[in-house]
C-alpha atoms as a PDB file:
ATOM      1  CA  MET A   1      45.387 -43.188  19.947  1.00  0.00           C
ATOM      2  CA  SER A   2      48.376 -43.560  17.841  1.00  0.00           C
ATOM      3  CA  VAL A   3      51.829 -45.190  18.718  1.00  0.00           C
ATOM      4  CA  MET A   4      54.912 -43.576  17.629  1.00  0.00           C
ATOM      5  CA  ARG A   5      57.557 -45.395  16.602  1.00  0.00           C
ATOM      6  CA  SER A   6      61.231 -44.721  16.291  1.00  0.00           C
ATOM      7  CA  ASP A   7      61.488 -45.979  12.911  1.00  0.00           C
ATOM      8  CA  GLN A   8      59.235 -43.539  10.695  1.00  0.00           C
ATOM      9  CA  GLY A   9      62.125 -41.375  10.026  1.00  0.00           C
ATOM     10  CA  ASN A  10      64.300 -38.726  11.908  1.00  0.00           C
ATOM     11  CA  ARG A  11      62.252 -36.508  13.773  1.00  0.00           C
ATOM     12  CA  THR A  12      62.222 -34.484  17.026  1.00  0.00           C
ATOM     13  CA  SER A  13      58.406 -34.514  16.796  1.00  0.00           C
ATOM     14  CA  THR A  14      55.875 -35.795  14.675  1.00  0.00           C
ATOM     15  CA  VAL A  15      52.865 -33.696  15.912  1.00  0.00           C
ATOM     16  CA  LEU A  16      52.940 -30.864  13.070  1.00  0.00           C
ATOM     17  CA  GLY A  17      54.130 -33.085  10.297  1.00  0.00           C
ATOM     18  CA  ARG A  18      51.288 -35.588  10.786  1.00  0.00           C
ATOM     19  CA  ARG A  19      48.737 -32.551  11.013  1.00  0.00           C
ATOM     20  CA  LEU A  20      50.379 -31.288   7.709  1.00  0.00           C
ATOM     21  CA  GLY A  21      50.250 -34.988   6.262  1.00  0.00           C
ATOM     22  CA  GLY A  22      46.505 -35.273   7.202  1.00  0.00           C
ATOM     23  CA  GLU A  23      45.825 -31.744   5.658  1.00  0.00           C
ATOM     24  CA  LEU A  24      47.142 -33.037   2.200  1.00  0.00           C
ATOM     25  CA  LEU A  25      45.387 -36.240   2.377  1.00  0.00           C
ATOM     26  CA  ARG A  26      42.119 -34.554   3.151  1.00  0.00           C
ATOM     27  CA  LEU A  27      42.895 -32.274   0.104  1.00  0.00           C
ATOM     28  CA  ARG A  28      44.092 -35.242  -2.154  1.00  0.00           C
ATOM     29  CA  ASP A  29      40.813 -37.391  -0.897  1.00  0.00           C
ATOM     30  CA  ALA A  30      38.421 -34.211  -2.007  1.00  0.00           C
ATOM     31  CA  ALA A  31      40.219 -33.834  -5.290  1.00  0.00           C
ATOM     32  CA  GLY A  32      39.696 -37.368  -6.189  1.00  0.00           C
ATOM     33  CA  LYS A  33      43.351 -38.151  -6.868  1.00  0.00           C
ATOM     34  CA  THR A  34      45.404 -41.076  -6.389  1.00  0.00           C
ATOM     35  CA  GLN A  35      48.592 -41.411  -4.227  1.00  0.00           C
ATOM     36  CA  GLN A  36      50.737 -42.132  -7.740  1.00  0.00           C
ATOM     37  CA  GLN A  37      48.805 -39.049  -9.382  1.00  0.00           C
ATOM     38  CA  ALA A  38      50.000 -37.013  -6.523  1.00  0.00           C
ATOM     39  CA  ALA A  39      53.690 -38.587  -6.942  1.00  0.00           C
ATOM     40  CA  GLN A  40      53.952 -37.766 -10.386  1.00  0.00           C
ATOM     41  CA  ALA A  41      52.890 -34.159  -9.950  1.00  0.00           C
ATOM     42  CA  ILE A  42      55.873 -33.575  -7.950  1.00  0.00           C
ATOM     43  CA  SER A  43      58.308 -35.927  -9.843  1.00  0.00           C
ATOM     44  CA  ALA A  44      58.539 -38.248  -6.763  1.00  0.00           C
ATOM     45  CA  THR A  45      57.661 -41.974  -5.667  1.00  0.00           C
ATOM     46  CA  SER A  46      54.336 -42.828  -4.475  1.00  0.00           C
ATOM     47  CA  THR A  47      56.195 -44.010  -1.273  1.00  0.00           C
ATOM     48  CA  LYS A  48      56.880 -40.552  -0.909  1.00  0.00           C
ATOM     49  CA  ILE A  49      53.725 -39.215  -0.954  1.00  0.00           C
ATOM     50  CA  VAL A  50      52.903 -42.019   1.760  1.00  0.00           C
ATOM     51  CA  LYS A  51      55.407 -40.801   3.969  1.00  0.00           C
ATOM     52  CA  MET A  52      54.321 -37.233   3.520  1.00  0.00           C
ATOM     53  CA  GLU A  53      50.782 -37.979   4.284  1.00  0.00           C
ATOM     54  CA  ARG A  54      51.851 -39.938   7.496  1.00  0.00           C
ATOM     55  CA  GLY A  55      54.111 -37.130   8.615  1.00  0.00           C
ATOM     56  CA  TRP A  56      57.235 -39.145   8.454  1.00  0.00           C
ATOM     57  CA  VAL A  57      59.359 -36.686   6.559  1.00  0.00           C
ATOM     58  CA  PRO A  58      59.840 -32.728   6.466  1.00  0.00           C
ATOM     59  CA  MET A  59      58.276 -31.391   3.519  1.00  0.00           C
ATOM     60  CA  ARG A  60      59.495 -28.739   0.864  1.00  0.00           C
ATOM     61  CA  ASP A  61      57.749 -25.431  -0.051  1.00  0.00           C
ATOM     62  CA  PRO A  62      57.762 -26.212  -3.553  1.00  0.00           C
ATOM     63  CA  ASP A  63      56.192 -29.804  -3.257  1.00  0.00           C
ATOM     64  CA  ILE A  64      53.282 -28.314  -1.247  1.00  0.00           C
ATOM     65  CA  ARG A  65      52.824 -25.564  -3.389  1.00  0.00           C
ATOM     66  CA  VAL A  66      52.569 -27.738  -6.418  1.00  0.00           C
ATOM     67  CA  LEU A  67      50.320 -30.489  -4.767  1.00  0.00           C
ATOM     68  CA  CYS A  68      48.080 -27.640  -3.634  1.00  0.00           C
ATOM     69  CA  GLU A  69      47.520 -26.430  -7.073  1.00  0.00           C
ATOM     70  CA  PHE A  70      47.371 -30.209  -8.090  1.00  0.00           C
ATOM     71  CA  TYR A  71      44.445 -30.510  -5.504  1.00  0.00           C
ATOM     72  CA  GLY A  72      42.460 -27.225  -6.898  1.00  0.00           C
ATOM     73  CA  LEU A  73      43.337 -25.345  -3.507  1.00  0.00           C
ATOM     74  CA  ASP A  74      44.401 -21.691  -5.113  1.00  0.00           C
ATOM     75  CA  ASP A  75      43.596 -19.566  -1.732  1.00  0.00           C
ATOM     76  CA  PRO A  76      46.784 -17.999  -0.705  1.00  0.00           C
ATOM     77  CA  ARG A  77      45.571 -18.375   2.936  1.00  0.00           C
ATOM     78  CA  PRO A  78      45.172 -21.838   3.443  1.00  0.00           C
ATOM     79  CA  VAL A  79      48.321 -22.300   0.976  1.00  0.00           C
ATOM     80  CA  GLY A  80      50.189 -20.007   3.638  1.00  0.00           C
ATOM     81  CA  HIS A  81      48.826 -21.795   6.651  1.00  0.00           C
ATOM     82  CA  LEU A  82      50.046 -25.382   5.379  1.00  0.00           C
ATOM     83  CA  LEU A  83      54.010 -23.812   4.431  1.00  0.00           C
ATOM     84  CA  ASP A  84      53.732 -22.316   8.186  1.00  0.00           C
ATOM     85  CA  LEU A  85      53.157 -25.761   9.372  1.00  0.00           C
ATOM     86  CA  ALA A  86      55.840 -27.256   7.359  1.00  0.00           C
ATOM     87  CA  ARG A  87      58.476 -24.647   8.327  1.00  0.00           C
ATOM     88  CA  LEU A  88      57.874 -24.947  12.010  1.00  0.00           C
ATOM     89  CA  ASP A  89      57.687 -29.066  11.370  1.00  0.00           C
ATOM     90  CA  ARG A  90      61.635 -28.260   9.934  1.00  0.00           C
ATOM     91  CA  GLU A  91      62.779 -26.201  12.335  1.00  0.00           C
ATOM     92  CA  ARG A  92      61.627 -29.108  15.260  1.00  0.00           C
ATOM     93  CA  ARG A  93      63.188 -31.742  13.063  1.00  0.00           C
ATOM     94  CA  LYS A  94      66.265 -29.447  12.901  1.00  0.00           C
ATOM     95  CA  ALA A  95      66.476 -29.409  16.827  1.00  0.00           C
ATOM     96  CA  LYS A  96      69.633 -31.056  18.188  1.00  0.00           C
ATOM     97  CA  GLY A  97      68.815 -31.991  21.947  1.00  0.00           C
ATOM     98  CA  TRP A  98      71.343 -33.440  24.462  1.00  0.00           C
ATOM     99  CA  TRP A  99      68.934 -36.564  24.586  1.00  0.00           C
ATOM    100  CA  GLN A 100      69.887 -37.561  20.752  1.00  0.00           C
ATOM    101  CA  HIS A 101      73.417 -38.431  22.391  1.00  0.00           C
ATOM    102  CA  SER A 102      72.303 -40.352  25.280  1.00  0.00           C
ATOM    103  CA  PRO A 103      71.894 -44.007  24.119  1.00  0.00           C
ATOM    104  CA  ASN A 104      70.337 -44.866  27.389  1.00  0.00           C
ATOM    105  CA  ALA A 105      67.534 -42.339  27.382  1.00  0.00           C
ATOM    106  CA  GLY A 106      65.713 -45.408  25.878  1.00  0.00           C
ATOM    107  CA  ALA A 107      61.940 -45.295  25.556  1.00  0.00           C
ATOM    108  CA  LEU A 108      61.915 -41.539  27.483  1.00  0.00           C
ATOM    109  CA  ALA A 109      63.797 -40.089  24.157  1.00  0.00           C
ATOM    110  CA  GLU A 110      60.706 -39.381  22.521  1.00  0.00           C
ATOM    111  CA  TYR A 111      58.797 -37.736  25.227  1.00  0.00           C
ATOM    112  CA  ILE A 112      62.061 -35.689  26.345  1.00  0.00           C
ATOM    113  CA  ALA A 113      62.318 -34.637  22.614  1.00  0.00           C
ATOM    114  CA  MET A 114      58.501 -33.347  22.832  1.00  0.00           C
ATOM    115  CA  GLU A 115      58.970 -31.760  26.343  1.00  0.00           C
ATOM    116  CA  ASP A 116      62.362 -30.164  25.471  1.00  0.00           C
ATOM    117  CA  ALA A 117      60.252 -28.307  22.435  1.00  0.00           C
ATOM    118  CA  ALA A 118      56.887 -27.772  24.627  1.00  0.00           C
ATOM    119  CA  SER A 119      55.723 -24.671  26.620  1.00  0.00           C
ATOM    120  CA  ARG A 120      53.974 -26.380  29.183  1.00  0.00           C
ATOM    121  CA  VAL A 121      53.066 -29.814  30.771  1.00  0.00           C
ATOM    122  CA  ARG A 122      49.896 -31.295  32.779  1.00  0.00           C
ATOM    123  CA  THR A 123      51.053 -34.338  34.434  1.00  0.00           C
ATOM    124  CA  TRP A 124      48.864 -36.635  36.493  1.00  0.00           C
ATOM    125  CA  GLN A 125      50.992 -39.310  38.676  1.00  0.00           C
ATOM    126  CA  LEU A 126      49.215 -42.230  40.430  1.00  0.00           C
ATOM    127  CA  ALA A 127      52.317 -43.767  42.208  1.00  0.00           C
ATOM    128  CA  LEU A 128      55.387 -41.919  41.403  1.00  0.00           C
ATOM    129  CA  ILE A 129      56.986 -38.545  41.619  1.00  0.00           C
ATOM    130  CA  PRO A 130      56.910 -36.580  38.459  1.00  0.00           C
ATOM    131  CA  GLY A 131      60.507 -36.961  36.592  1.00  0.00           C
ATOM    132  CA  LEU A 132      60.801 -33.477  36.388  1.00  0.00           C
ATOM    133  CA  PHE A 133      60.557 -33.146  40.324  1.00  0.00           C
ATOM    134  CA  GLN A 134      62.675 -36.299  41.252  1.00  0.00           C
ATOM    135  CA  THR A 135      66.353 -36.247  43.226  1.00  0.00           C
ATOM    136  CA  ALA A 136      68.813 -38.228  41.754  1.00  0.00           C
ATOM    137  CA  GLU A 137      68.759 -40.714  44.591  1.00  0.00           C
ATOM    138  CA  TYR A 138      64.804 -41.134  43.885  1.00  0.00           C
ATOM    139  CA  ALA A 139      65.470 -41.724  40.215  1.00  0.00           C
ATOM    140  CA  ARG A 140      68.235 -44.227  40.853  1.00  0.00           C
ATOM    141  CA  SER A 141      66.434 -46.311  43.212  1.00  0.00           C
ATOM    142  CA  LEU A 142      63.411 -46.442  40.589  1.00  0.00           C
ATOM    143  CA  ALA A 143      66.186 -47.622  38.049  1.00  0.00           C
ATOM    144  CA  VAL A 144      67.531 -50.308  40.484  1.00  0.00           C
ATOM    145  CA  SER A 145      63.913 -51.596  41.626  1.00  0.00           C
ATOM    146  CA  ASP A 146      62.953 -51.865  37.764  1.00  0.00           C
ATOM    147  CA  GLY A 147      64.938 -54.894  37.443  1.00  0.00           C
ATOM    148  CA  VAL A 148      65.505 -53.958  33.725  1.00  0.00           C
ATOM    149  CA  TRP A 149      69.421 -52.438  34.066  1.00  0.00           C
ATOM    150  CA  GLU A 150      72.052 -54.201  36.371  1.00  0.00           C
ATOM    151  CA  ASP A 151      75.134 -52.564  35.232  1.00  0.00           C
ATOM    152  CA  PRO A 152      75.770 -49.920  38.021  1.00  0.00           C
ATOM    153  CA  ASP A 153      77.290 -47.714  35.037  1.00  0.00           C
ATOM    154  CA  GLU A 154      74.358 -47.893  32.826  1.00  0.00           C
ATOM    155  CA  ILE A 155      72.086 -47.122  35.740  1.00  0.00           C
ATOM    156  CA  GLU A 156      74.202 -43.890  36.394  1.00  0.00           C
ATOM    157  CA  ARG A 157      73.734 -42.741  32.755  1.00  0.00           C
ATOM    158  CA  ILE A 158      70.167 -43.248  33.295  1.00  0.00           C
ATOM    159  CA  VAL A 159      69.963 -41.288  36.108  1.00  0.00           C
ATOM    160  CA  GLU A 160      71.973 -38.578  34.347  1.00  0.00           C
ATOM    161  CA  VAL A 161      69.704 -38.462  31.620  1.00  0.00           C
ATOM    162  CA  ARG A 162      66.564 -38.098  33.971  1.00  0.00           C
ATOM    163  CA  MET A 163      68.648 -35.100  35.940  1.00  0.00           C
ATOM    164  CA  LYS A 164      69.194 -33.513  32.996  1.00  0.00           C
ATOM    165  CA  ARG A 165      65.711 -33.079  31.933  1.00  0.00           C
ATOM    166  CA  GLN A 166      65.151 -30.587  35.095  1.00  0.00           C
ATOM    167  CA  ALA A 167      66.895 -27.771  33.477  1.00  0.00           C
ATOM    168  CA  ARG A 168      63.774 -26.865  31.762  1.00  0.00           C
ATOM    169  CA  LEU A 169      62.518 -25.595  34.640  1.00  0.00           C
ATOM    170  CA  LEU A 170      65.020 -23.061  34.593  1.00  0.00           C
ATOM    171  CA  GLY A 171      66.301 -20.330  32.600  1.00  0.00           C
ATOM    172  CA  ASP A 172      64.887 -17.180  30.597  1.00  0.00           C
ATOM    173  CA  ASP A 173      62.234 -19.437  29.310  1.00  0.00           C
ATOM    174  CA  PRO A 174      61.237 -22.122  31.643  1.00  0.00           C
ATOM    175  CA  LEU A 175      58.810 -24.895  31.113  1.00  0.00           C
ATOM    176  CA  HIS A 176      55.269 -24.316  33.176  1.00  0.00           C
ATOM    177  CA  VAL A 177      54.349 -27.582  34.589  1.00  0.00           C
ATOM    178  CA  TYR A 178      51.278 -28.241  36.396  1.00  0.00           C
ATOM    179  CA  ALA A 179      51.392 -31.423  38.212  1.00  0.00           C
ATOM    180  CA  VAL A 180      48.693 -33.367  40.282  1.00  0.00           C
ATOM    181  CA  VAL A 181      49.990 -35.984  42.471  1.00  0.00           C
ATOM    182  CA  TRP A 182      48.196 -38.624  44.484  1.00  0.00           C
ATOM    183  CA  GLU A 183      48.906 -39.085  47.719  1.00  0.00           C
ATOM    184  CA  ALA A 184      50.179 -42.615  47.428  1.00  0.00           C
ATOM    185  CA  ALA A 185      52.867 -41.242  45.631  1.00  0.00           C
ATOM    186  CA  LEU A 186      54.234 -39.218  48.405  1.00  0.00           C
ATOM    187  CA  ARG A 187      54.110 -42.674  50.920  1.00  0.00           C
ATOM    188  CA  GLN A 188      55.236 -44.977  48.683  1.00  0.00           C
ATOM    189  CA  LEU A 189      58.966 -45.702  50.153  1.00  0.00           C
ATOM    190  CA  ILE A 190      61.293 -45.511  46.919  1.00  0.00           C
ATOM    191  CA  GLY A 191      64.638 -46.077  48.282  1.00  0.00           C
ATOM    192  CA  GLY A 192      63.593 -46.171  51.836  1.00  0.00           C
ATOM    193  CA  PRO A 193      62.786 -43.253  54.310  1.00  0.00           C
ATOM    194  CA  ASP A 194      65.739 -41.245  53.834  1.00  0.00           C
ATOM    195  CA  VAL A 195      65.545 -40.982  50.234  1.00  0.00           C
ATOM    196  CA  MET A 196      61.691 -40.140  50.547  1.00  0.00           C
ATOM    197  CA  ARG A 197      62.302 -37.795  53.108  1.00  0.00           C
ATOM    198  CA  ALA A 198      64.786 -35.966  50.823  1.00  0.00           C
ATOM    199  CA  GLN A 199      62.704 -36.366  47.686  1.00  0.00           C
ATOM    200  CA  LEU A 200      59.530 -34.780  49.476  1.00  0.00           C
ATOM    201  CA  GLU A 201      62.016 -31.896  50.580  1.00  0.00           C
ATOM    202  CA  ARG A 202      62.863 -31.486  46.880  1.00  0.00           C
ATOM    203  CA  LEU A 203      59.002 -31.089  45.981  1.00  0.00           C
ATOM    204  CA  ILE A 204      58.728 -28.646  48.523  1.00  0.00           C
ATOM    205  CA  GLU A 205      61.152 -26.518  47.054  1.00  0.00           C
ATOM    206  CA  VAL A 206      60.277 -26.785  43.655  1.00  0.00           C
ATOM    207  CA  ALA A 207      56.474 -26.134  44.056  1.00  0.00           C
ATOM    208  CA  GLN A 208      58.250 -22.503  45.125  1.00  0.00           C
ATOM    209  CA  LEU A 209      59.261 -22.024  41.364  1.00  0.00           C
ATOM    210  CA  PRO A 210      57.038 -19.309  39.967  1.00  0.00           C
ATOM    211  CA  ASN A 211      56.633 -21.949  36.873  1.00  0.00           C
ATOM    212  CA  VAL A 212      55.657 -24.885  38.677  1.00  0.00           C
ATOM    213  CA  ARG A 213      52.057 -25.562  40.320  1.00  0.00           C
ATOM    214  CA  LEU A 214      51.775 -28.829  42.398  1.00  0.00           C
ATOM    215  CA  GLN A 215      48.793 -30.105  44.252  1.00  0.00           C
ATOM    216  CA  VAL A 216      48.179 -33.312  45.763  1.00  0.00           C
ATOM    217  CA  LEU A 217      45.203 -35.491  45.370  1.00  0.00           C
ATOM    218  CA  PRO A 218      44.444 -36.863  49.274  1.00  0.00           C
ATOM    219  CA  TYR A 219      42.996 -40.286  49.743  1.00  0.00           C
ATOM    220  CA  ARG A 220      40.098 -38.827  51.426  1.00  0.00           C
ATOM    221  CA  SER A 221      38.964 -37.734  48.029  1.00  0.00           C
ATOM    222  CA  GLY A 222      37.873 -41.142  46.905  1.00  0.00           C
ATOM    223  CA  GLY A 223      36.950 -41.845  43.454  1.00  0.00           C
ATOM    224  CA  HIS A 224      38.108 -39.474  40.635  1.00  0.00           C
ATOM    225  CA  PRO A 225      38.123 -39.146  36.943  1.00  0.00           C
ATOM    226  CA  CYS A 226      41.780 -39.836  36.368  1.00  0.00           C
ATOM    227  CA  VAL A 227      42.012 -43.061  38.356  1.00  0.00           C
ATOM    228  CA  GLY A 228      42.935 -45.416  35.413  1.00  0.00           C
ATOM    229  CA  GLY A 229      46.184 -44.363  35.106  1.00  0.00           C
ATOM    230  CA  ALA A 230      49.030 -41.809  35.017  1.00  0.00           C
ATOM    231  CA  PHE A 231      49.394 -39.272  31.845  1.00  0.00           C
ATOM    232  CA  ASN A 232      51.118 -36.115  30.486  1.00  0.00           C
ATOM    233  CA  ILE A 233      49.786 -33.358  28.760  1.00  0.00           C
ATOM    234  CA  VAL A 234      52.054 -31.511  26.491  1.00  0.00           C
ATOM    235  CA  SER A 235      51.486 -28.005  24.859  1.00  0.00           C
ATOM    236  CA  PHE A 236      53.084 -25.946  22.474  1.00  0.00           C
ATOM    237  CA  ALA A 237      53.488 -22.339  22.184  1.00  0.00           C
ATOM    238  CA  GLU A 238      52.812 -22.346  18.578  1.00  0.00           C
ATOM    239  CA  THR A 239      49.104 -21.608  17.854  1.00  0.00           C
ATOM    240  CA  GLU A 240      49.302 -24.494  14.999  1.00  0.00           C
ATOM    241  CA  ALA A 241      50.194 -27.272  17.359  1.00  0.00           C
ATOM    242  CA  ILE A 242      47.732 -29.415  19.038  1.00  0.00           C
ATOM    243  CA  ASP A 243      48.400 -30.722  22.799  1.00  0.00           C
ATOM    244  CA  VAL A 244      49.691 -34.200  22.487  1.00  0.00           C
ATOM    245  CA  VAL A 245      48.990 -36.677  25.610  1.00  0.00           C
ATOM    246  CA  HIS A 246      51.503 -39.170  26.767  1.00  0.00           C
ATOM    247  CA  VAL A 247      50.447 -42.100  28.255  1.00  0.00           C
ATOM    248  CA  ASP A 248      53.249 -44.859  29.417  1.00  0.00           C
ATOM    249  CA  SER A 249      52.458 -48.244  30.532  1.00  0.00           C
ATOM    250  CA  ILE A 250      54.554 -50.906  31.401  1.00  0.00           C
ATOM    251  CA  ALA A 251      54.757 -52.509  27.741  1.00  0.00           C
ATOM    252  CA  SER A 252      54.380 -49.661  25.613  1.00  0.00           C
ATOM    253  CA  THR A 253      53.996 -45.917  25.078  1.00  0.00           C
ATOM    254  CA  VAL A 254      51.082 -44.369  23.476  1.00  0.00           C
ATOM    255  CA  TRP A 255      50.864 -40.629  21.833  1.00  0.00           C
ATOM    256  CA  VAL A 256      47.292 -39.040  21.738  1.00  0.00           C
ATOM    257  CA  GLU A 257      47.522 -36.748  18.834  1.00  0.00           C
ATOM    258  CA  ASN A 258      43.604 -36.570  18.171  1.00  0.00           C
ATOM    259  CA  PRO A 259      42.295 -32.915  19.119  1.00  0.00           C
ATOM    260  CA  ASP A 260      38.759 -34.668  20.482  1.00  0.00           C
ATOM    261  CA  GLU A 261      40.707 -37.309  22.761  1.00  0.00           C
ATOM    262  CA  GLY A 262      43.254 -34.601  23.892  1.00  0.00           C
ATOM    263  CA  ALA A 263      40.304 -32.553  24.919  1.00  0.00           C
ATOM    264  CA  ALA A 264      39.156 -35.336  26.885  1.00  0.00           C
ATOM    265  CA  TYR A 265      42.423 -35.814  28.800  1.00  0.00           C
ATOM    266  CA  SER A 266      42.386 -32.235  29.628  1.00  0.00           C
ATOM    267  CA  THR A 267      38.746 -32.540  31.111  1.00  0.00           C
ATOM    268  CA  PHE A 268      39.982 -35.305  33.254  1.00  0.00           C
ATOM    269  CA  PHE A 269      42.945 -33.448  34.043  1.00  0.00           C
ATOM    270  CA  ASP A 270      40.687 -30.519  35.333  1.00  0.00           C
ATOM    271  CA  ARG A 271      38.182 -32.094  37.317  1.00  0.00           C
ATOM    272  CA  THR A 272      40.935 -34.290  39.388  1.00  0.00           C
ATOM    273  CA  THR A 273      42.657 -30.420  40.018  1.00  0.00           C
ATOM    274  CA  ARG A 274      39.319 -29.606  41.498  1.00  0.00           C
ATOM    275  CA  LEU A 275      39.128 -32.383  43.730  1.00  0.00           C
ATOM    276  CA  SER A 276      42.838 -31.977  44.907  1.00  0.00           C
ATOM    277  CA  LEU A 277      44.095 -29.780  47.699  1.00  0.00           C
ATOM    278  CA  ALA A 278      45.229 -26.092  47.099  1.00  0.00           C
ATOM    279  CA  GLN A 279      48.574 -25.466  46.550  1.00  0.00           C
ATOM    280  CA  HIS A 280      49.444 -24.144  50.030  1.00  0.00           C
ATOM    281  CA  ASP A 281      47.499 -27.378  51.638  1.00  0.00           C
ATOM    282  CA  SER A 282      49.384 -29.327  49.301  1.00  0.00           C
ATOM    283  CA  ALA A 283      52.834 -28.358  50.626  1.00  0.00           C
ATOM    284  CA  ALA A 284      51.575 -28.294  54.385  1.00  0.00           C
ATOM    285  CA  LEU A 285      50.340 -32.390  53.388  1.00  0.00           C
ATOM    286  CA  ILE A 286      53.902 -33.050  51.670  1.00  0.00           C
ATOM    287  CA  ASP A 287      55.838 -31.534  54.662  1.00  0.00           C
ATOM    288  CA  SER A 288      53.749 -33.608  57.384  1.00  0.00           C
ATOM    289  CA  ILE A 289      54.464 -36.698  55.402  1.00  0.00           C
ATOM    290  CA  ARG A 290      58.043 -35.670  55.271  1.00  0.00           C
ATOM    291  CA  LYS A 291      58.197 -35.370  58.812  1.00  0.00           C
ATOM    292  CA  GLU A 292      56.738 -38.579  59.680  1.00  0.00           C
ATOM    293  CA  MET A 293      59.637 -40.381  57.732  1.00  0.00           C
END
């Protein structure tokens, strides 16, 4: 697992950058070259090689070509693959999303940037309605109960940020979302009965979108693979980009960027979906809980 930090350069996503950097590091190790030698090859400093190998900076095609030649890689196919990775990474870094101008996005900024570039998100939630499906009143109640923000204007800006995310559900190229929610999230009275009733109505509406699949894991399912905590699996259209798992805890945010660990989360998610109600039955349970309120 790896924790993404905000002081590692100006980037929208480090996923492709880290993969590219890891490939260059592997080539350098195999060639028996030092970072200082690699730096001399491209007339740069060792610090720049460190940043490149950790995926902190965009990479220029000439630097990649020189390093590949220096490391003894002369096959045009793998070199072309690295150049494609670099191009995609540069395009991601150039993206200027609305969240970059929202100072109150806070810890969500990294995730929103990733979500905006994604083609699909699979989300498992234990105690909360997924952010993409929240009403403004529900999001506001969460912000108030959090206790971190006390200024009403600041809370409203936070709610605005969360609402803007939902634009990804619509449009010509909408985000595909597969959400599995534990029954507890539907019954927890965030904001009181009126707020929850409206929130459950919103869930029923959003579940009808063609790009949304929503299932509920009922209490009666008992133990399940995802009992340990909530997470999001973010997928991208580019074949070069691996899935990334976002795990947001009380004190930290963790991004799992390892293919094997990411596959494990996908397996846990799939197993939990098989224990969940079908979409029609999930909608019926949501409506039943709504009527109780």
